[in-house]
Full PDB file with SEQRES, HELIX, SHEET, SSBOND, CRYST1, ORIGX, SCALE, CONECT and MASTER records, all heavy atoms in Angstrom:
SEQRES   1 A   36  GLY LEU VAL VAL LEU PRO TYR PHE SER GLY GLU ARG THR          
SEQRES   2 A   36  PRO ILE ASN ASP ASP ALA ALA ARG GLY THR MET VAL GLY          
SEQRES   3 A   36  LEU THR LEU SER HIS THR LYS PHE HIS VAL                      
SHEET    1 AA1 2 VAL A   3  LEU A   5  0                                        
SHEET    2 AA1 2 THR A  23  VAL A  25 -1                                        
CRYST1    1.000    1.000    1.000  90.00  90.00  90.00 P 1           1          
ORIGX1      1.000000  0.000000  0.000000        0.00000                         
ORIGX2      0.000000  1.000000  0.000000        0.00000                         
ORIGX3      0.000000  0.000000  1.000000        0.00000                         
SCALE1      1.000000  0.000000  0.000000        0.00000                         
SCALE2      0.000000  1.000000  0.000000        0.00000                         
SCALE3      0.000000  0.000000  1.000000        0.00000                         
ATOM      1  N   GLY A   1     -33.742   1.829 -44.216  1.00  0.00           N  
ATOM      2  CA  GLY A   1     -32.453   1.231 -43.865  1.00  0.00           C  
ATOM      3  C   GLY A   1     -32.512  -0.154 -43.282  1.00  0.00           C  
ATOM      4  O   GLY A   1     -31.606  -0.555 -42.536  1.00  0.00           O  
ATOM      5  N   LEU A   2     -33.544  -0.933 -43.622  1.00  0.00           N  
ATOM      6  CA  LEU A   2     -33.714  -2.284 -43.079  1.00  0.00           C  
ATOM      7  C   LEU A   2     -33.699  -3.313 -44.209  1.00  0.00           C  
ATOM      8  O   LEU A   2     -34.409  -3.157 -45.206  1.00  0.00           O  
ATOM      9  CB  LEU A   2     -35.031  -2.363 -42.310  1.00  0.00           C  
ATOM     10  CG  LEU A   2     -35.379  -3.684 -41.612  1.00  0.00           C  
ATOM     11  CD1 LEU A   2     -34.316  -4.065 -40.601  1.00  0.00           C  
ATOM     12  CD2 LEU A   2     -36.751  -3.582 -40.954  1.00  0.00           C  
ATOM     13  N   VAL A   3     -32.872  -4.341 -44.064  1.00  0.00           N  
ATOM     14  CA  VAL A   3     -32.767  -5.393 -45.082  1.00  0.00           C  
ATOM     15  C   VAL A   3     -32.985  -6.751 -44.426  1.00  0.00           C  
ATOM     16  O   VAL A   3     -32.421  -7.033 -43.354  1.00  0.00           O  
ATOM     17  CB  VAL A   3     -31.395  -5.368 -45.783  1.00  0.00           C  
ATOM     18  CG1 VAL A   3     -31.231  -6.581 -46.697  1.00  0.00           C  
ATOM     19  CG2 VAL A   3     -31.238  -4.086 -46.593  1.00  0.00           C  
ATOM     20  N   VAL A   4     -33.800  -7.592 -45.068  1.00  0.00           N  
ATOM     21  CA  VAL A   4     -34.082  -8.947 -44.588  1.00  0.00           C  
ATOM     22  C   VAL A   4     -33.516  -9.969 -45.567  1.00  0.00           C  
ATOM     23  O   VAL A   4     -33.750  -9.874 -46.782  1.00  0.00           O  
ATOM     24  CB  VAL A   4     -35.598  -9.169 -44.419  1.00  0.00           C  
ATOM     25  CG1 VAL A   4     -35.900 -10.648 -44.166  1.00  0.00           C  
ATOM     26  CG2 VAL A   4     -36.145  -8.323 -43.282  1.00  0.00           C  
ATOM     27  N   LEU A   5     -32.771 -10.935 -45.044  1.00  0.00           N  
ATOM     28  CA  LEU A   5     -32.411 -12.118 -45.824  1.00  0.00           C  
ATOM     29  C   LEU A   5     -33.486 -13.166 -45.560  1.00  0.00           C  
ATOM     30  O   LEU A   5     -33.657 -13.599 -44.409  1.00  0.00           O  
ATOM     31  CB  LEU A   5     -31.045 -12.663 -45.398  1.00  0.00           C  
ATOM     32  CG  LEU A   5     -29.830 -11.751 -45.570  1.00  0.00           C  
ATOM     33  CD1 LEU A   5     -28.551 -12.495 -45.178  1.00  0.00           C  
ATOM     34  CD2 LEU A   5     -29.717 -11.237 -46.992  1.00  0.00           C  
ATOM     35  N   PRO A   6     -34.230 -13.585 -46.593  1.00  0.00           N  
ATOM     36  CA  PRO A   6     -35.407 -14.445 -46.359  1.00  0.00           C  
ATOM     37  C   PRO A   6     -35.076 -15.930 -46.271  1.00  0.00           C  
ATOM     38  O   PRO A   6     -35.782 -16.769 -46.824  1.00  0.00           O  
ATOM     39  CB  PRO A   6     -36.267 -14.137 -47.585  1.00  0.00           C  
ATOM     40  CG  PRO A   6     -35.266 -13.889 -48.669  1.00  0.00           C  
ATOM     41  CD  PRO A   6     -34.098 -13.202 -47.997  1.00  0.00           C  
ATOM     42  N   TYR A   7     -34.007 -16.265 -45.569  1.00  0.00           N  
ATOM     43  CA  TYR A   7     -33.546 -17.652 -45.513  1.00  0.00           C  
ATOM     44  C   TYR A   7     -34.064 -18.330 -44.240  1.00  0.00           C  
ATOM     45  O   TYR A   7     -33.299 -18.911 -43.467  1.00  0.00           O  
ATOM     46  CB  TYR A   7     -32.018 -17.702 -45.558  1.00  0.00           C  
ATOM     47  CG  TYR A   7     -31.391 -16.946 -46.708  1.00  0.00           C  
ATOM     48  CD1 TYR A   7     -30.122 -16.381 -46.593  1.00  0.00           C  
ATOM     49  CD2 TYR A   7     -32.053 -16.793 -47.925  1.00  0.00           C  
ATOM     50  CE1 TYR A   7     -29.522 -15.703 -47.639  1.00  0.00           C  
ATOM     51  CE2 TYR A   7     -31.475 -16.106 -48.980  1.00  0.00           C  
ATOM     52  CZ  TYR A   7     -30.210 -15.556 -48.826  1.00  0.00           C  
ATOM     53  OH  TYR A   7     -29.627 -14.873 -49.874  1.00  0.00           O  
ATOM     54  N   PHE A   8     -35.372 -18.290 -44.034  1.00  0.00           N  
ATOM     55  CA  PHE A   8     -35.954 -18.758 -42.784  1.00  0.00           C  
ATOM     56  C   PHE A   8     -36.041 -20.282 -42.689  1.00  0.00           C  
ATOM     57  O   PHE A   8     -36.314 -20.814 -41.620  1.00  0.00           O  
ATOM     58  CB  PHE A   8     -37.346 -18.150 -42.593  1.00  0.00           C  
ATOM     59  CG  PHE A   8     -37.337 -16.710 -42.134  1.00  0.00           C  
ATOM     60  CD1 PHE A   8     -36.535 -15.754 -42.748  1.00  0.00           C  
ATOM     61  CD2 PHE A   8     -38.132 -16.304 -41.082  1.00  0.00           C  
ATOM     62  CE1 PHE A   8     -36.530 -14.431 -42.336  1.00  0.00           C  
ATOM     63  CE2 PHE A   8     -38.133 -14.981 -40.650  1.00  0.00           C  
ATOM     64  CZ  PHE A   8     -37.323 -14.043 -41.271  1.00  0.00           C  
ATOM     65  N   SER A   9     -35.833 -20.970 -43.797  1.00  0.00           N  
ATOM     66  CA  SER A   9     -35.753 -22.439 -43.792  1.00  0.00           C  
ATOM     67  C   SER A   9     -34.533 -22.877 -44.580  1.00  0.00           C  
ATOM     68  O   SER A   9     -34.583 -23.810 -45.382  1.00  0.00           O  
ATOM     69  CB  SER A   9     -37.023 -23.053 -44.394  1.00  0.00           C  
ATOM     70  OG  SER A   9     -38.149 -22.804 -43.587  1.00  0.00           O  
ATOM     71  N   GLY A  10     -33.406 -22.174 -44.337  1.00  0.00           N  
ATOM     72  CA  GLY A  10     -32.275 -22.369 -45.231  1.00  0.00           C  
ATOM     73  C   GLY A  10     -32.621 -21.730 -46.561  1.00  0.00           C  
ATOM     74  O   GLY A  10     -33.582 -20.969 -46.676  1.00  0.00           O  
ATOM     75  N   GLU A  11     -31.862 -22.022 -47.587  1.00  0.00           N  
ATOM     76  CA  GLU A  11     -32.194 -21.487 -48.909  1.00  0.00           C  
ATOM     77  C   GLU A  11     -31.841 -22.489 -49.984  1.00  0.00           C  
ATOM     78  O   GLU A  11     -30.848 -23.230 -49.896  1.00  0.00           O  
ATOM     79  CB  GLU A  11     -31.462 -20.172 -49.169  1.00  0.00           C  
ATOM     80  CG  GLU A  11     -31.885 -19.467 -50.455  1.00  0.00           C  
ATOM     81  CD  GLU A  11     -33.393 -19.211 -50.563  1.00  0.00           C  
ATOM     82  OE1 GLU A  11     -34.159 -20.195 -50.550  1.00  0.00           O  
ATOM     83  OE2 GLU A  11     -33.778 -18.042 -50.678  1.00  0.00           O  
ATOM     84  N   ARG A  12     -32.726 -22.541 -50.971  1.00  0.00           N  
ATOM     85  CA  ARG A  12     -32.468 -23.379 -52.144  1.00  0.00           C  
ATOM     86  C   ARG A  12     -31.613 -22.561 -53.107  1.00  0.00           C  
ATOM     87  O   ARG A  12     -30.513 -22.139 -52.764  1.00  0.00           O  
ATOM     88  CB  ARG A  12     -33.809 -23.834 -52.743  1.00  0.00           C  
ATOM     89  CG  ARG A  12     -34.604 -24.728 -51.780  1.00  0.00           C  
ATOM     90  CD  ARG A  12     -35.761 -25.429 -52.460  1.00  0.00           C  
ATOM     91  NE  ARG A  12     -36.883 -24.543 -52.706  1.00  0.00           N  
ATOM     92  CZ  ARG A  12     -37.965 -24.881 -53.401  1.00  0.00           C  
ATOM     93  NH1 ARG A  12     -38.042 -26.082 -53.949  1.00  0.00           N  
ATOM     94  NH2 ARG A  12     -38.968 -24.044 -53.562  1.00  0.00           N  
ATOM     95  N   THR A  13     -32.073 -22.337 -54.293  1.00  0.00           N  
ATOM     96  CA  THR A  13     -31.288 -21.574 -55.259  1.00  0.00           C  
ATOM     97  C   THR A  13     -31.354 -20.091 -54.937  1.00  0.00           C  
ATOM     98  O   THR A  13     -32.331 -19.623 -54.335  1.00  0.00           O  
ATOM     99  CB  THR A  13     -31.832 -21.814 -56.678  1.00  0.00           C  
ATOM    100  OG1 THR A  13     -33.231 -21.509 -56.683  1.00  0.00           O  
ATOM    101  CG2 THR A  13     -31.621 -23.251 -57.116  1.00  0.00           C  
ATOM    102  N   PRO A  14     -30.384 -19.269 -55.362  1.00  0.00           N  
ATOM    103  CA  PRO A  14     -29.137 -19.684 -56.015  1.00  0.00           C  
ATOM    104  C   PRO A  14     -28.019 -20.096 -55.056  1.00  0.00           C  
ATOM    105  O   PRO A  14     -26.972 -20.555 -55.512  1.00  0.00           O  
ATOM    106  CB  PRO A  14     -28.707 -18.429 -56.784  1.00  0.00           C  
ATOM    107  CG  PRO A  14     -29.831 -17.490 -56.758  1.00  0.00           C  
ATOM    108  CD  PRO A  14     -30.590 -17.810 -55.497  1.00  0.00           C  
ATOM    109  N   ILE A  15     -28.193 -19.962 -53.708  1.00  0.00           N  
ATOM    110  CA  ILE A  15     -27.055 -20.221 -52.826  1.00  0.00           C  
ATOM    111  C   ILE A  15     -26.982 -21.667 -52.351  1.00  0.00           C  
ATOM    112  O   ILE A  15     -25.918 -22.130 -51.940  1.00  0.00           O  
ATOM    113  CB  ILE A  15     -27.050 -19.261 -51.621  1.00  0.00           C  
ATOM    114  CG1 ILE A  15     -28.245 -19.523 -50.696  1.00  0.00           C  
ATOM    115  CG2 ILE A  15     -27.028 -17.807 -52.083  1.00  0.00           C  
ATOM    116  CD1 ILE A  15     -28.187 -18.754 -49.387  1.00  0.00           C  
ATOM    117  N   ASN A  16     -28.125 -22.387 -52.380  1.00  0.00           N  
ATOM    118  CA  ASN A  16     -28.144 -23.813 -52.034  1.00  0.00           C  
ATOM    119  C   ASN A  16     -27.450 -24.090 -50.698  1.00  0.00           C  
ATOM    120  O   ASN A  16     -26.455 -24.810 -50.614  1.00  0.00           O  
ATOM    121  CB  ASN A  16     -27.495 -24.634 -53.154  1.00  0.00           C  
ATOM    122  CG  ASN A  16     -28.292 -24.567 -54.439  1.00  0.00           C  
ATOM    123  OD1 ASN A  16     -29.478 -24.867 -54.450  1.00  0.00           O  
ATOM    124  ND2 ASN A  16     -27.648 -24.144 -55.527  1.00  0.00           N  
ATOM    125  N   ASP A  17     -27.988 -23.537 -49.642  1.00  0.00           N  
ATOM    126  CA  ASP A  17     -27.382 -23.657 -48.318  1.00  0.00           C  
ATOM    127  C   ASP A  17     -28.477 -23.885 -47.283  1.00  0.00           C  
ATOM    128  O   ASP A  17     -29.208 -22.968 -46.915  1.00  0.00           O  
ATOM    129  CB  ASP A  17     -26.595 -22.380 -47.991  1.00  0.00           C  
ATOM    130  CG  ASP A  17     -25.874 -22.453 -46.655  1.00  0.00           C  
ATOM    131  OD1 ASP A  17     -25.993 -23.490 -45.952  1.00  0.00           O  
ATOM    132  OD2 ASP A  17     -25.190 -21.478 -46.294  1.00  0.00           O  
ATOM    133  N   ASP A  18     -28.570 -25.116 -46.787  1.00  0.00           N  
ATOM    134  CA  ASP A  18     -29.621 -25.424 -45.805  1.00  0.00           C  
ATOM    135  C   ASP A  18     -29.328 -24.793 -44.447  1.00  0.00           C  
ATOM    136  O   ASP A  18     -30.226 -24.692 -43.606  1.00  0.00           O  
ATOM    137  CB  ASP A  18     -29.789 -26.931 -45.657  1.00  0.00           C  
ATOM    138  CG  ASP A  18     -28.594 -27.596 -44.987  1.00  0.00           C  
ATOM    139  OD1 ASP A  18     -27.458 -27.342 -45.441  1.00  0.00           O  
ATOM    140  OD2 ASP A  18     -28.782 -28.370 -44.043  1.00  0.00           O  
ATOM    141  N   ALA A  19     -28.082 -24.373 -44.223  1.00  0.00           N  
ATOM    142  CA  ALA A  19     -27.734 -23.748 -42.953  1.00  0.00           C  
ATOM    143  C   ALA A  19     -27.791 -22.226 -43.018  1.00  0.00           C  
ATOM    144  O   ALA A  19     -27.445 -21.560 -42.046  1.00  0.00           O  
ATOM    145  CB  ALA A  19     -26.342 -24.197 -42.513  1.00  0.00           C  
ATOM    146  N   ALA A  20     -28.221 -21.656 -44.146  1.00  0.00           N  
ATOM    147  CA  ALA A  20     -28.472 -20.216 -44.191  1.00  0.00           C  
ATOM    148  C   ALA A  20     -29.651 -19.907 -43.274  1.00  0.00           C  
ATOM    149  O   ALA A  20     -30.527 -20.749 -43.067  1.00  0.00           O  
ATOM    150  CB  ALA A  20     -28.772 -19.770 -45.617  1.00  0.00           C  
ATOM    151  N   ARG A  21     -29.665 -18.705 -42.713  1.00  0.00           N  
ATOM    152  CA  ARG A  21     -30.719 -18.371 -41.767  1.00  0.00           C  
ATOM    153  C   ARG A  21     -31.280 -16.976 -42.034  1.00  0.00           C  
ATOM    154  O   ARG A  21     -30.581 -16.086 -42.537  1.00  0.00           O  
ATOM    155  CB  ARG A  21     -30.196 -18.438 -40.327  1.00  0.00           C  
ATOM    156  CG  ARG A  21     -29.997 -19.867 -39.821  1.00  0.00           C  
ATOM    157  CD  ARG A  21     -31.323 -20.621 -39.771  1.00  0.00           C  
ATOM    158  NE  ARG A  21     -31.196 -21.997 -39.325  1.00  0.00           N  
ATOM    159  CZ  ARG A  21     -31.116 -23.045 -40.139  1.00  0.00           C  
ATOM    160  NH1 ARG A  21     -31.116 -22.860 -41.461  1.00  0.00           N  
ATOM    161  NH2 ARG A  21     -31.043 -24.269 -39.659  1.00  0.00           N  
ATOM    162  N   GLY A  22     -32.561 -16.802 -41.705  1.00  0.00           N  
ATOM    163  CA  GLY A  22     -33.206 -15.514 -41.860  1.00  0.00           C  
ATOM    164  C   GLY A  22     -32.516 -14.464 -41.011  1.00  0.00           C  
ATOM    165  O   GLY A  22     -32.130 -14.723 -39.866  1.00  0.00           O  
ATOM    166  N   THR A  23     -32.346 -13.280 -41.591  1.00  0.00           N  
ATOM    167  CA  THR A  23     -31.582 -12.229 -40.927  1.00  0.00           C  
ATOM    168  C   THR A  23     -32.230 -10.882 -41.182  1.00  0.00           C  
ATOM    169  O   THR A  23     -32.653 -10.592 -42.302  1.00  0.00           O  
ATOM    170  CB  THR A  23     -30.133 -12.194 -41.470  1.00  0.00           C  
ATOM    171  OG1 THR A  23     -29.578 -13.508 -41.392  1.00  0.00           O  
ATOM    172  CG2 THR A  23     -29.267 -11.231 -40.687  1.00  0.00           C  
ATOM    173  N   MET A  24     -32.294 -10.047 -40.143  1.00  0.00           N  
ATOM    174  CA  MET A  24     -32.726  -8.656 -40.288  1.00  0.00           C  
ATOM    175  C   MET A  24     -31.562  -7.760 -39.889  1.00  0.00           C  
ATOM    176  O   MET A  24     -31.044  -7.877 -38.773  1.00  0.00           O  
ATOM    177  CB  MET A  24     -33.940  -8.364 -39.410  1.00  0.00           C  
ATOM    178  CG  MET A  24     -35.175  -9.170 -39.776  1.00  0.00           C  
ATOM    179  SD  MET A  24     -36.596  -8.770 -38.722  1.00  0.00           S  
ATOM    180  CE  MET A  24     -37.757 -10.043 -39.258  1.00  0.00           C  
ATOM    181  N   VAL A  25     -31.158  -6.883 -40.784  1.00  0.00           N  
ATOM    182  CA  VAL A  25     -30.021  -6.008 -40.540  1.00  0.00           C  
ATOM    183  C   VAL A  25     -30.456  -4.556 -40.700  1.00  0.00           C  
ATOM    184  O   VAL A  25     -31.076  -4.199 -41.702  1.00  0.00           O  
ATOM    185  CB  VAL A  25     -28.859  -6.319 -41.501  1.00  0.00           C  
ATOM    186  CG1 VAL A  25     -27.694  -5.350 -41.273  1.00  0.00           C  
ATOM    187  CG2 VAL A  25     -28.386  -7.759 -41.303  1.00  0.00           C  
ATOM    188  N   GLY A  26     -30.127  -3.721 -39.696  1.00  0.00           N  
ATOM    189  CA  GLY A  26     -30.426  -2.301 -39.780  1.00  0.00           C  
ATOM    190  C   GLY A  26     -31.517  -1.832 -38.845  1.00  0.00           C  
ATOM    191  O   GLY A  26     -31.958  -0.682 -38.919  1.00  0.00           O  
ATOM    192  N   LEU A  27     -31.979  -2.696 -37.944  1.00  0.00           N  
ATOM    193  CA  LEU A  27     -33.071  -2.336 -37.043  1.00  0.00           C  
ATOM    194  C   LEU A  27     -32.681  -1.186 -36.111  1.00  0.00           C  
ATOM    195  O   LEU A  27     -31.565  -1.144 -35.587  1.00  0.00           O  
ATOM    196  CB  LEU A  27     -33.479  -3.537 -36.199  1.00  0.00           C  
ATOM    197  CG  LEU A  27     -34.416  -4.563 -36.847  1.00  0.00           C  
ATOM    198  CD1 LEU A  27     -34.480  -5.818 -35.983  1.00  0.00           C  
ATOM    199  CD2 LEU A  27     -35.806  -3.986 -37.063  1.00  0.00           C  
ATOM    200  N   THR A  28     -33.606  -0.271 -35.929  1.00  0.00           N  
ATOM    201  CA  THR A  28     -33.452   0.816 -34.968  1.00  0.00           C  
ATOM    202  C   THR A  28     -34.743   0.935 -34.170  1.00  0.00           C  
ATOM    203  O   THR A  28     -35.772   0.326 -34.516  1.00  0.00           O  
ATOM    204  CB  THR A  28     -33.172   2.161 -35.667  1.00  0.00           C  
ATOM    205  OG1 THR A  28     -34.368   2.591 -36.342  1.00  0.00           O  
ATOM    206  CG2 THR A  28     -32.036   2.045 -36.669  1.00  0.00           C  
ATOM    207  N   LEU A  29     -34.711   1.761 -33.142  1.00  0.00           N  
ATOM    208  CA  LEU A  29     -35.908   1.971 -32.327  1.00  0.00           C  
ATOM    209  C   LEU A  29     -37.004   2.720 -33.074  1.00  0.00           C  
ATOM    210  O   LEU A  29     -38.148   2.757 -32.626  1.00  0.00           O  
ATOM    211  CB  LEU A  29     -35.535   2.723 -31.046  1.00  0.00           C  
ATOM    212  CG  LEU A  29     -34.661   1.949 -30.044  1.00  0.00           C  
ATOM    213  CD1 LEU A  29     -34.285   2.845 -28.867  1.00  0.00           C  
ATOM    214  CD2 LEU A  29     -35.368   0.693 -29.559  1.00  0.00           C  
ATOM    215  N   SER A  30     -36.662   3.298 -34.205  1.00  0.00           N  
ATOM    216  CA  SER A  30     -37.671   4.017 -34.988  1.00  0.00           C  
ATOM    217  C   SER A  30     -38.441   3.104 -35.926  1.00  0.00           C  
ATOM    218  O   SER A  30     -39.446   3.511 -36.514  1.00  0.00           O  
ATOM    219  CB  SER A  30     -37.027   5.151 -35.787  1.00  0.00           C  
ATOM    220  OG  SER A  30     -36.117   4.621 -36.743  1.00  0.00           O  
ATOM    221  N   HIS A  31     -37.969   1.864 -36.085  1.00  0.00           N  
ATOM    222  CA  HIS A  31     -38.669   0.926 -36.962  1.00  0.00           C  
ATOM    223  C   HIS A  31     -39.913   0.378 -36.277  1.00  0.00           C  
ATOM    224  O   HIS A  31     -39.905   0.086 -35.081  1.00  0.00           O  
ATOM    225  CB  HIS A  31     -37.752  -0.224 -37.376  1.00  0.00           C  
ATOM    226  CG  HIS A  31     -36.748   0.150 -38.411  1.00  0.00           C  
ATOM    227  ND1 HIS A  31     -35.393   0.213 -38.166  1.00  0.00           N  
ATOM    228  CD2 HIS A  31     -36.897   0.521 -39.714  1.00  0.00           C  
ATOM    229  CE1 HIS A  31     -34.749   0.579 -39.268  1.00  0.00           C  
ATOM    230  NE2 HIS A  31     -35.642   0.771 -40.218  1.00  0.00           N  
ATOM    231  N   THR A  32     -40.972   0.219 -37.077  1.00  0.00           N  
ATOM    232  CA  THR A  32     -42.225  -0.356 -36.593  1.00  0.00           C  
ATOM    233  C   THR A  32     -42.420  -1.743 -37.191  1.00  0.00           C  
ATOM    234  O   THR A  32     -41.662  -2.180 -38.058  1.00  0.00           O  
ATOM    235  CB  THR A  32     -43.415   0.526 -37.005  1.00  0.00           C  
ATOM    236  OG1 THR A  32     -43.559   0.457 -38.445  1.00  0.00           O  
ATOM    237  CG2 THR A  32     -43.194   1.975 -36.586  1.00  0.00           C  
ATOM    238  N   LYS A  33     -43.471  -2.405 -36.711  1.00  0.00           N  
ATOM    239  CA  LYS A  33     -43.789  -3.715 -37.281  1.00  0.00           C  
ATOM    240  C   LYS A  33     -44.056  -3.618 -38.781  1.00  0.00           C  
ATOM    241  O   LYS A  33     -43.799  -4.552 -39.534  1.00  0.00           O  
ATOM    242  CB  LYS A  33     -44.993  -4.339 -36.563  1.00  0.00           C  
ATOM    243  CG  LYS A  33     -46.285  -3.564 -36.709  1.00  0.00           C  
ATOM    244  CD  LYS A  33     -47.471  -4.338 -36.159  1.00  0.00           C  
ATOM    245  CE  LYS A  33     -47.406  -4.540 -34.674  1.00  0.00           C  
ATOM    246  NZ  LYS A  33     -47.645  -3.305 -33.900  1.00  0.00           N  
ATOM    247  N   PHE A  34     -44.541  -2.467 -39.224  1.00  0.00           N  
ATOM    248  CA  PHE A  34     -44.852  -2.305 -40.638  1.00  0.00           C  
ATOM    249  C   PHE A  34     -43.573  -2.136 -41.470  1.00  0.00           C  
ATOM    250  O   PHE A  34     -43.535  -2.541 -42.630  1.00  0.00           O  
ATOM    251  CB  PHE A  34     -45.793  -1.117 -40.830  1.00  0.00           C  
ATOM    252  CG  PHE A  34     -47.047  -1.237 -40.004  1.00  0.00           C  
ATOM    253  CD1 PHE A  34     -47.268  -0.409 -38.914  1.00  0.00           C  
ATOM    254  CD2 PHE A  34     -47.976  -2.215 -40.286  1.00  0.00           C  
ATOM    255  CE1 PHE A  34     -48.404  -0.543 -38.137  1.00  0.00           C  
ATOM    256  CE2 PHE A  34     -49.124  -2.366 -39.519  1.00  0.00           C  
ATOM    257  CZ  PHE A  34     -49.340  -1.526 -38.436  1.00  0.00           C  
ATOM    258  N   HIS A  35     -42.529  -1.557 -40.869  1.00  0.00           N  
ATOM    259  CA  HIS A  35     -41.223  -1.533 -41.538  1.00  0.00           C  
ATOM    260  C   HIS A  35     -40.711  -2.966 -41.733  1.00  0.00           C  
ATOM    261  O   HIS A  35     -40.216  -3.321 -42.808  1.00  0.00           O  
ATOM    262  CB  HIS A  35     -40.201  -0.746 -40.696  1.00  0.00           C  
ATOM    263  CG  HIS A  35     -40.347   0.731 -40.736  1.00  0.00           C  
ATOM    264  ND1 HIS A  35     -41.184   1.420 -39.887  1.00  0.00           N  
ATOM    265  CD2 HIS A  35     -39.757   1.671 -41.524  1.00  0.00           C  
ATOM    266  CE1 HIS A  35     -41.102   2.716 -40.134  1.00  0.00           C  
ATOM    267  NE2 HIS A  35     -40.238   2.902 -41.127  1.00  0.00           N  
ATOM    268  N   VAL A  36     -40.834  -3.752 -40.675  1.00  0.00           N  
ATOM    269  CA  VAL A  36     -40.352  -5.132 -40.759  1.00  0.00           C  
ATOM    270  C   VAL A  36     -41.145  -5.902 -41.809  1.00  0.00           C  
ATOM    271  O   VAL A  36     -40.582  -6.657 -42.613  1.00  0.00           O  
ATOM    272  CB  VAL A  36     -40.442  -5.827 -39.385  1.00  0.00           C  
ATOM    273  CG1 VAL A  36     -40.052  -7.301 -39.504  1.00  0.00           C  
ATOM    274  CG2 VAL A  36     -39.546  -5.118 -38.378  1.00  0.00           C  
TER     275      VAL A  36                                                      
MASTER        0    0    0    0    2    0    0    6  274    1    0    3          
END                                                                             
């Protein structure tokens, strides 16, 4: 149940947005570093 948006330096294609940012959604206390 964990999803990452890999926009850690903005994003080029297909969204072309330098202000996009890396995001992790769905984190719980049961997640480990290996889940991430």
